[in-house]
Amino acid sequence: MSKHHSNAKVFMAFCDVTRLRVIELLRNGEKSASELQKLVVTGQSTLSHHMKILVESGIVTTRKAGKWTYYSICEKGGRYAVRLLRLLTNGIQYEAHTYKGQRRIEPMQGKSFTIVVDTSCELTPEFIKEHGIEVLPITFTLNDAEHKQGSWQEISAKDFYDSLKKGGVAKTAQINPDVFVEDFTNYAQKGQDALYLILSSGLSATYQSSQIALEEVKEKFPDCNIFPVDGLSATSLNTMLTILAVKKRAEGATAEETAAYLEERKHHILGFFTVDDLMYLHRGGRLSKLSAIGGSILGIKPVLNIQPDGTLALKEKVRGRDAAFKLMIEQLRRSKNEDTVLDTVIITHTDCEAEAEKLAAMVKADLKVNNIEIIMMGPVIGAHLGPGAVTLVLEADITRKEYEAKYYG
């Protein structure tokens, strides 16, 4: 869900007299549905409608006790609403944050900075250890069991995707501002510079949460050098951006300089996807149920890409896996100059390593590439693409906007 959908739900919660009355009543403590119905003098179906909006906004939470439902104010949801209002009315533009020309607090002589990624970014344990990358977990649930690490530390890849294949349900949640406040404060107190590479604002409100948190932390630590970057990407696209950040840091760039560099380069990171089970795209709102069922029967394989605004879009449909791979390679080819030798191409997969190896072999046979990295995709994005998904990512010679205008305009 995009940040705008999340924002709208928060403000919708306040845009009704009955809902405001319910919030006032809940300030005095938990109330059952029957109590609220009597106090606001409304019908059961009408109250249910209002409570659904309040719960979806995150401002109100529910508790079941037998056949009874109880409602109360959610402390975190309330704080988020207050911070959101402050953010949207103080002039900070979180949609397109830039660092060039911003007042810069000079780092200490010889001081480096920490690179932090969330778990929508696919990195190997070896890379994380070698380059001192910090990982901020995005919580996910599998069959209602919460996994706070958001990685393979609590569940193996095989178990995760095997569960999905058997009908298991996985869901993800954005990182809320409180998590960022705690993390940012930790770096600010130590005087340590940090760059955060965050899941696309076109796919999640996590980046917005970081901006809400940064505003709060800067009230206490105005000189802190903390730079959240909206990658406008996910999974292996953010892997590529992390590699670029590591290289820039090794060249002696500061956190601010690296953030500004990534703000420019992120538009050149292109990603192409195909999935095996169309029903996962249906659940994510990318396909109608009828199209998903019909496409599965006909062996239709969709090819998607990441748009300039960081959203995932269905671009073309082909019949069969090989055709999908060939189209992905063609998309890769037309995004670079004919004489360009690609340094690195990244392929990620959701428990289909043989398919990923097959795509890698096709890329090597067709294009000039120095290195192809194959990485298992984690649960944060894998939950939405399902088992059998494969992605192909590169640093292109043209931007996403130029690519879209040229081939799909």
Protein backbone atom coordinates (compact mmCIF):
# COMPACT_ATOMS: atom_id res chain seq x y z
CA MET A 1 0.00 0.00 0.00
CA SER A 2 1.36 3.43 -0.95
CA LYS A 3 1.92 6.25 1.51
CA HIS A 4 -1.05 8.16 0.05
CA HIS A 5 -3.44 5.28 0.78
CA SER A 6 -2.14 5.06 4.35
CA ASN A 7 -2.47 8.83 4.81
CA ALA A 8 -6.00 8.85 3.44
CA LYS A 9 -7.08 6.18 5.92
CA VAL A 10 -5.71 8.19 8.84
CA PHE A 11 -7.52 11.36 7.81
CA MET A 12 -10.69 9.49 6.90
CA ALA A 13 -10.85 8.32 10.52
CA PHE A 14 -11.30 11.94 11.67
CA CYS A 15 -13.64 13.09 8.91
CA ASP A 16 -16.93 12.06 10.50
CA VAL A 17 -18.87 13.22 13.57
CA THR A 18 -19.67 9.66 14.71
CA ARG A 19 -16.06 8.51 14.43
CA LEU A 20 -14.84 11.55 16.37
CA ARG A 21 -17.39 10.72 19.08
CA VAL A 22 -16.12 7.11 19.20
CA ILE A 23 -12.51 8.29 19.55
CA GLU A 24 -13.52 10.60 22.41
CA LEU A 25 -15.28 7.73 24.18
CA LEU A 26 -12.32 5.39 23.76
CA ARG A 27 -9.99 7.95 25.33
CA ASN A 28 -11.61 6.98 28.65
CA GLY A 29 -10.78 3.30 28.18
CA GLU A 30 -11.72 0.18 26.30
CA LYS A 31 -15.34 -0.25 25.22
CA SER A 32 -17.28 -3.19 23.82
CA ALA A 33 -19.16 -2.90 20.52
CA SER A 34 -22.50 -3.03 22.37
CA GLU A 35 -21.42 -0.24 24.74
CA LEU A 36 -20.38 1.98 21.85
CA GLN A 37 -23.62 1.28 20.00
CA LYS A 38 -25.63 2.53 22.97
CA LEU A 39 -23.41 5.54 23.63
CA VAL A 40 -23.34 6.87 20.07
CA VAL A 41 -26.98 5.87 19.47
CA THR A 42 -26.57 4.17 16.11
CA GLY A 43 -27.38 0.87 14.45
CA GLN A 44 -25.07 -2.15 14.51
CA SER A 45 -24.27 -2.08 10.78
CA THR A 46 -23.53 1.66 10.86
CA LEU A 47 -21.25 1.27 13.87
CA SER A 48 -19.46 -1.66 12.20
CA HIS A 49 -18.79 0.54 9.18
CA HIS A 50 -17.25 3.29 11.32
CA MET A 51 -15.20 0.87 13.42
CA LYS A 52 -13.78 -0.76 10.30
CA ILE A 53 -12.50 2.65 9.13
CA LEU A 54 -11.02 3.44 12.56
CA VAL A 55 -9.27 0.07 12.83
CA GLU A 56 -7.88 0.28 9.26
CA SER A 57 -6.47 3.72 10.07
CA GLY A 58 -4.43 2.20 12.91
CA ILE A 59 -5.87 4.65 15.44
CA VAL A 60 -8.15 2.02 17.04
CA THR A 61 -7.31 -1.59 17.86
CA THR A 62 -9.59 -4.56 18.60
CA ARG A 63 -9.64 -7.41 21.11
CA LYS A 64 -11.78 -10.53 20.89
CA ALA A 65 -13.13 -12.19 24.04
CA GLY A 66 -15.43 -15.03 23.13
CA LYS A 67 -18.26 -13.63 21.02
CA TRP A 68 -17.59 -10.06 22.18
CA THR A 69 -15.42 -7.47 20.43
CA TYR A 70 -13.71 -4.72 22.39
CA TYR A 71 -12.15 -1.53 21.02
CA SER A 72 -9.46 0.77 22.39
CA ILE A 73 -7.14 3.55 21.25
CA CYS A 74 -3.90 2.24 19.70
CA GLU A 75 -1.04 4.27 21.19
CA LYS A 76 1.26 3.77 18.20
CA GLY A 77 -1.50 4.60 15.72
CA GLY A 78 -2.34 7.77 17.61
CA ARG A 79 1.29 8.92 17.65
CA TYR A 80 1.58 8.18 13.95
CA ALA A 81 -1.48 10.35 13.19
CA VAL A 82 -0.04 13.27 15.19
CA ARG A 83 3.36 12.99 13.50
CA LEU A 84 1.75 12.70 10.08
CA LEU A 85 -0.22 15.91 10.55
CA ARG A 86 2.95 17.73 11.61
CA LEU A 87 4.88 16.37 8.65
CA LEU A 88 2.27 17.31 6.07
CA THR A 89 1.85 20.85 7.39
CA ASN A 90 5.43 21.95 8.01
CA GLY A 91 6.59 22.07 4.39
CA ILE A 92 8.82 18.96 4.32
CA GLN A 93 8.48 17.24 0.96
CA TYR A 94 9.02 13.54 1.58
CA GLU A 95 8.06 12.55 -1.97
CA ALA A 96 11.32 13.78 -3.52
CA HIS A 97 13.92 14.37 -0.86
CA THR A 98 17.16 15.88 -2.14
CA TYR A 99 20.40 16.68 -0.39
CA LYS A 100 22.21 18.99 -2.80
CA GLY A 101 22.36 22.48 -1.36
CA GLN A 102 21.17 21.33 2.05
CA ARG A 103 23.03 22.74 5.07
CA ARG A 104 25.74 20.26 5.78
CA ILE A 105 27.21 19.37 9.14
CA GLU A 106 30.81 18.42 8.41
CA PRO A 107 31.79 14.98 9.68
CA MET A 108 34.82 14.52 11.90
CA GLN A 109 38.15 14.11 10.15
CA GLY A 110 38.54 10.59 8.76
CA LYS A 111 35.02 9.66 9.88
CA SER A 112 33.08 7.11 7.83
CA PHE A 113 29.36 6.38 7.94
CA THR A 114 27.09 3.40 8.40
CA ILE A 115 24.95 2.05 5.58
CA VAL A 116 21.60 0.72 6.78
CA VAL A 117 19.14 -1.25 4.66
CA ASP A 118 15.75 -2.74 5.41
CA THR A 119 14.98 -6.39 4.72
CA SER A 120 13.29 -5.73 1.39
CA CYS A 121 16.88 -5.50 0.13
CA GLU A 122 18.50 -8.82 -0.76
CA LEU A 123 22.07 -9.08 0.55
CA THR A 124 24.13 -12.15 1.38
CA PRO A 125 25.37 -12.59 4.96
CA GLU A 126 28.93 -12.43 3.61
CA PHE A 127 28.36 -9.04 1.95
CA ILE A 128 26.68 -7.67 5.08
CA LYS A 129 29.58 -8.75 7.29
CA GLU A 130 32.34 -7.65 4.90
CA HIS A 131 30.99 -4.12 4.47
CA GLY A 132 29.53 -3.55 7.93
CA ILE A 133 25.98 -3.15 6.66
CA GLU A 134 23.30 -2.74 9.32
CA VAL A 135 19.92 -4.35 8.65
CA LEU A 136 16.61 -2.93 9.86
CA PRO A 137 13.95 -5.67 9.83
CA ILE A 138 10.54 -5.36 8.23
CA THR A 139 8.15 -7.56 10.20
CA PHE A 140 6.25 -10.25 8.33
CA THR A 141 3.73 -12.86 9.37
CA LEU A 142 3.36 -16.38 8.05
CA ASN A 143 0.05 -18.04 8.89
CA ASP A 144 -0.46 -15.40 11.61
CA ALA A 145 2.91 -16.14 13.24
CA GLU A 146 4.99 -12.96 13.47
CA HIS A 147 8.64 -12.95 12.49
CA LYS A 148 10.29 -9.83 13.84
CA GLN A 149 13.66 -10.45 12.24
CA GLY A 150 12.15 -10.23 8.78
CA SER A 151 14.88 -12.49 7.43
CA TRP A 152 15.93 -16.14 7.29
CA GLN A 153 17.09 -16.01 10.91
CA GLU A 154 13.77 -17.35 12.19
CA ILE A 155 12.60 -19.44 9.24
CA SER A 156 14.45 -21.10 6.38
CA ALA A 157 13.84 -20.24 2.75
CA LYS A 158 12.59 -23.75 2.07
CA ASP A 159 10.11 -23.66 4.96
CA PHE A 160 8.84 -20.20 4.00
CA TYR A 161 8.17 -20.95 0.34
CA ASP A 162 7.01 -24.51 1.04
CA SER A 163 4.39 -23.03 3.33
CA LEU A 164 3.21 -20.65 0.58
CA LYS A 165 3.01 -23.55 -1.88
CA LYS A 166 0.73 -25.39 0.55
CA GLY A 167 -1.63 -22.43 0.81
CA GLY A 168 0.09 -20.54 3.61
CA VAL A 169 -0.56 -16.82 3.88
CA ALA A 170 2.23 -14.30 4.38
CA LYS A 171 1.77 -10.60 5.07
CA THR A 172 4.16 -7.72 5.59
CA ALA A 173 3.95 -4.46 7.51
CA GLN A 174 5.73 -1.16 7.12
CA ILE A 175 8.35 -0.07 9.64
CA ASN A 176 6.61 2.40 11.92
CA PRO A 177 8.12 5.75 12.98
CA ASP A 178 8.93 4.52 16.51
CA VAL A 179 11.42 1.99 15.14
CA PHE A 180 13.14 4.69 13.09
CA VAL A 181 13.15 7.13 16.03
CA GLU A 182 14.96 4.57 18.18
CA ASP A 183 17.46 3.71 15.45
CA PHE A 184 18.11 7.33 14.40
CA THR A 185 18.53 8.38 18.03
CA ASN A 186 21.13 5.66 18.54
CA TYR A 187 23.29 7.10 15.73
CA ALA A 188 22.61 10.72 16.70
CA GLN A 189 23.68 10.16 20.31
CA LYS A 190 26.93 8.58 19.19
CA GLY A 191 27.55 11.29 16.58
CA GLN A 192 27.70 8.58 13.91
CA ASP A 193 26.65 9.46 10.35
CA ALA A 194 24.21 7.03 8.72
CA LEU A 195 22.63 6.50 5.31
CA TYR A 196 19.39 4.51 5.16
CA LEU A 197 18.32 2.84 1.92
CA ILE A 198 14.58 2.26 2.20
CA LEU A 199 11.88 0.30 0.37
CA SER A 200 10.15 2.28 -2.38
CA SER A 201 7.57 4.85 -1.31
CA GLY A 202 5.58 3.58 -4.30
CA LEU A 203 5.15 0.22 -2.57
CA SER A 204 5.06 1.05 1.13
CA ALA A 205 4.73 3.92 3.60
CA THR A 206 8.01 2.90 5.28
CA TYR A 207 9.95 5.81 3.76
CA GLN A 208 7.31 8.22 4.98
CA SER A 209 7.72 6.74 8.47
CA SER A 210 11.45 7.51 8.27
CA GLN A 211 10.72 11.14 7.41
CA ILE A 212 8.28 11.50 10.31
CA ALA A 213 10.91 10.01 12.63
CA LEU A 214 13.77 12.13 11.28
CA GLU A 215 11.84 15.32 11.96
CA GLU A 216 11.30 14.22 15.55
CA VAL A 217 14.92 13.21 16.13
CA LYS A 218 16.25 16.46 14.65
CA GLU A 219 14.33 18.39 17.28
CA LYS A 220 16.69 16.90 19.89
CA PHE A 221 19.75 16.41 17.67
CA PRO A 222 19.62 19.16 15.02
CA ASP A 223 23.20 18.50 13.91
CA CYS A 224 22.78 14.79 13.26
CA ASN A 225 23.86 13.48 9.85
CA ILE A 226 21.18 10.88 9.06
CA PHE A 227 20.04 10.50 5.47
CA PRO A 228 17.09 8.27 4.55
CA VAL A 229 16.99 7.57 0.79
CA ASP A 230 13.80 6.49 -0.96
CA GLY A 231 15.25 3.86 -3.28
CA LEU A 232 12.09 3.91 -5.44
CA SER A 233 12.99 0.23 -5.60
CA ALA A 234 12.78 -3.08 -3.81
CA THR A 235 14.56 -6.43 -3.59
CA SER A 236 17.56 -6.69 -5.97
CA LEU A 237 17.16 -3.11 -7.22
CA ASN A 238 18.04 -1.92 -3.73
CA THR A 239 20.82 -4.51 -3.69
CA MET A 240 22.34 -2.70 -6.67
CA LEU A 241 21.97 0.66 -4.93
CA THR A 242 23.67 -0.75 -1.83
CA ILE A 243 26.62 -1.91 -3.94
CA LEU A 244 26.90 1.61 -5.38
CA ALA A 245 26.74 3.11 -1.88
CA VAL A 246 29.53 0.83 -0.66
CA LYS A 247 31.72 1.81 -3.62
CA LYS A 248 31.05 5.51 -3.10
CA ARG A 249 31.89 5.26 0.59
CA ALA A 250 35.13 3.43 -0.25
CA GLU A 251 36.06 6.39 -2.49
CA GLY A 252 35.85 8.67 0.55
CA ALA A 253 32.40 10.18 0.00
CA THR A 254 30.41 11.36 3.01
CA ALA A 255 26.93 10.08 3.87
CA GLU A 256 25.41 13.22 2.41
CA GLU A 257 27.41 12.97 -0.81
CA THR A 258 26.52 9.31 -1.16
CA ALA A 259 22.83 10.04 -0.56
CA ALA A 260 22.88 12.71 -3.29
CA TYR A 261 24.65 10.27 -5.63
CA LEU A 262 22.03 7.57 -5.01
CA GLU A 263 19.23 10.07 -5.59
CA GLU A 264 20.55 10.46 -9.13
CA ARG A 265 21.58 6.85 -9.85
CA LYS A 266 18.40 5.22 -8.56
CA HIS A 267 16.57 6.32 -11.71
CA HIS A 268 19.03 4.23 -13.75
CA ILE A 269 18.40 1.00 -11.80
CA LEU A 270 15.97 -1.06 -13.88
CA GLY A 271 14.27 -4.24 -12.74
CA PHE A 272 12.24 -6.78 -14.71
CA PHE A 273 10.15 -9.51 -13.06
CA THR A 274 8.15 -12.59 -13.92
CA VAL A 275 6.06 -14.75 -11.60
CA ASP A 276 4.90 -18.34 -11.68
CA ASP A 277 1.53 -18.04 -9.92
CA LEU A 278 -0.73 -15.24 -11.13
CA MET A 279 -2.91 -15.47 -8.03
CA TYR A 280 -0.25 -13.63 -6.00
CA LEU A 281 -0.57 -10.67 -8.37
CA HIS A 282 -4.34 -10.84 -7.98
CA ARG A 283 -4.06 -10.69 -4.18
CA GLY A 284 -1.79 -7.68 -4.56
CA GLY A 285 -4.33 -5.91 -6.78
CA ARG A 286 -2.31 -6.23 -10.02
CA LEU A 287 -4.73 -8.59 -11.81
CA SER A 288 -8.43 -9.37 -11.62
CA LYS A 289 -9.31 -12.82 -10.30
CA LEU A 290 -10.77 -13.80 -13.67
CA SER A 291 -7.56 -12.77 -15.49
CA ALA A 292 -5.43 -14.62 -12.96
CA ILE A 293 -7.42 -17.85 -13.27
CA GLY A 294 -7.66 -17.60 -17.06
CA GLY A 295 -3.99 -16.78 -17.43
CA SER A 296 -2.97 -19.71 -15.24
CA ILE A 297 -5.01 -22.12 -17.36
CA LEU A 298 -3.43 -20.78 -20.58
CA GLY A 299 0.11 -20.79 -19.16
CA ILE A 300 0.36 -17.00 -19.36
CA LYS A 301 3.44 -15.52 -17.72
CA PRO A 302 3.39 -11.79 -16.94
CA VAL A 303 6.46 -9.58 -17.24
CA LEU A 304 6.53 -6.60 -14.89
CA ASN A 305 8.92 -3.78 -14.14
CA ILE A 306 9.53 -1.04 -11.60
CA GLN A 307 8.12 2.28 -12.75
CA PRO A 308 9.75 5.75 -12.41
CA ASP A 309 7.64 6.38 -9.30
CA GLY A 310 8.75 3.13 -7.68
CA THR A 311 5.54 1.18 -8.25
CA LEU A 312 5.34 -2.29 -9.78
CA ALA A 313 3.53 -2.44 -13.13
CA LEU A 314 2.41 -5.26 -15.39
CA LYS A 315 3.87 -4.48 -18.83
CA GLU A 316 3.40 -7.53 -21.05
CA LYS A 317 2.01 -11.07 -21.04
CA VAL A 318 3.59 -14.00 -22.86
CA ARG A 319 2.93 -17.72 -22.97
CA GLY A 320 5.47 -19.87 -21.16
CA ARG A 321 8.51 -19.33 -18.97
CA ASP A 322 11.09 -19.31 -21.77
CA ALA A 323 9.20 -16.56 -23.58
CA ALA A 324 9.12 -14.52 -20.37
CA PHE A 325 12.89 -14.91 -19.93
CA LYS A 326 13.55 -13.92 -23.53
CA LEU A 327 11.42 -10.80 -23.12
CA MET A 328 13.25 -9.87 -19.90
CA ILE A 329 16.59 -10.16 -21.70
CA GLU A 330 15.26 -8.04 -24.56
CA GLN A 331 14.15 -5.42 -22.02
CA LEU A 332 17.64 -5.51 -20.52
CA ARG A 333 19.28 -5.16 -23.95
CA ARG A 334 17.24 -2.14 -25.02
CA SER A 335 17.99 -0.30 -21.76
CA LYS A 336 21.72 -0.06 -22.52
CA ASN A 337 23.94 1.14 -25.33
CA GLU A 338 25.03 -1.51 -27.83
CA ASP A 339 28.72 -1.31 -26.88
CA THR A 340 28.17 -1.20 -23.11
CA VAL A 341 29.70 -4.03 -21.08
CA LEU A 342 27.61 -4.48 -17.95
CA ASP A 343 29.64 -4.77 -14.77
CA THR A 344 27.00 -6.56 -12.71
CA VAL A 345 23.58 -8.06 -13.31
CA ILE A 346 21.60 -9.31 -10.31
CA ILE A 347 19.08 -12.14 -10.50
CA THR A 348 16.88 -12.98 -7.53
CA HIS A 349 14.42 -15.83 -7.20
CA THR A 350 11.81 -17.18 -4.81
CA ASP A 351 12.91 -20.77 -4.28
CA CYS A 352 13.53 -21.60 -7.95
CA GLU A 353 17.31 -21.58 -8.21
CA ALA A 354 17.38 -23.79 -11.33
CA GLU A 355 15.23 -21.24 -13.16
CA ALA A 356 17.48 -18.41 -12.00
CA GLU A 357 20.54 -20.32 -13.26
CA LYS A 358 18.80 -20.85 -16.58
CA LEU A 359 18.12 -17.12 -16.95
CA ALA A 360 21.74 -16.36 -16.00
CA ALA A 361 22.99 -18.71 -18.74
CA MET A 362 20.71 -17.01 -21.28
CA VAL A 363 22.02 -13.57 -20.24
CA LYS A 364 25.65 -14.70 -20.54
CA ALA A 365 25.02 -16.15 -24.00
CA ASP A 366 23.29 -13.02 -25.28
CA LEU A 367 24.97 -10.02 -23.60
CA LYS A 368 28.33 -8.71 -22.41
CA VAL A 369 28.29 -9.04 -18.64
CA ASN A 370 31.27 -9.23 -16.28
CA ASN A 371 29.42 -10.64 -13.28
CA ILE A 372 26.01 -12.17 -12.55
CA GLU A 373 24.91 -12.45 -8.93
CA ILE A 374 22.15 -14.92 -8.06
CA ILE A 375 20.44 -14.35 -4.70
CA MET A 376 17.50 -15.92 -2.91
CA MET A 377 14.73 -13.36 -2.41
CA GLY A 378 13.62 -12.77 1.17
CA PRO A 379 10.05 -12.94 2.50
CA VAL A 380 9.26 -9.21 2.44
CA ILE A 381 8.90 -9.05 -1.35
CA GLY A 382 8.66 -12.81 -1.88
CA ALA A 383 5.38 -12.82 0.03
CA HIS A 384 3.84 -10.65 -2.70
CA LEU A 385 5.35 -12.40 -5.74
CA GLY A 386 4.99 -15.98 -4.54
CA PRO A 387 7.18 -19.05 -5.18
CA GLY A 388 8.72 -19.29 -8.63
CA ALA A 389 9.31 -15.57 -9.22
CA VAL A 390 12.51 -14.41 -10.94
CA THR A 391 13.88 -10.86 -11.25
CA LEU A 392 16.55 -9.37 -13.48
CA VAL A 393 18.24 -6.09 -12.45
CA LEU A 394 20.91 -3.84 -13.96
CA GLU A 395 22.33 -0.32 -13.90
CA ALA A 396 21.09 1.01 -17.23
CA ASP A 397 22.37 3.71 -19.60
CA ILE A 398 18.95 5.37 -19.67
CA THR A 399 16.55 6.28 -16.88
CA ARG A 400 13.30 4.51 -16.13
CA LYS A 401 11.39 7.53 -17.37
CA GLU A 402 13.28 7.51 -20.67
CA TYR A 403 12.76 3.77 -20.98
CA GLU A 404 9.01 4.03 -20.41
CA ALA A 405 8.64 6.91 -22.87
CA LYS A 406 10.61 5.10 -25.57
CA TYR A 407 9.06 1.63 -25.34
CA TYR A 408 5.71 2.04 -23.63
CA GLY A 409 4.83 5.71 -24.17
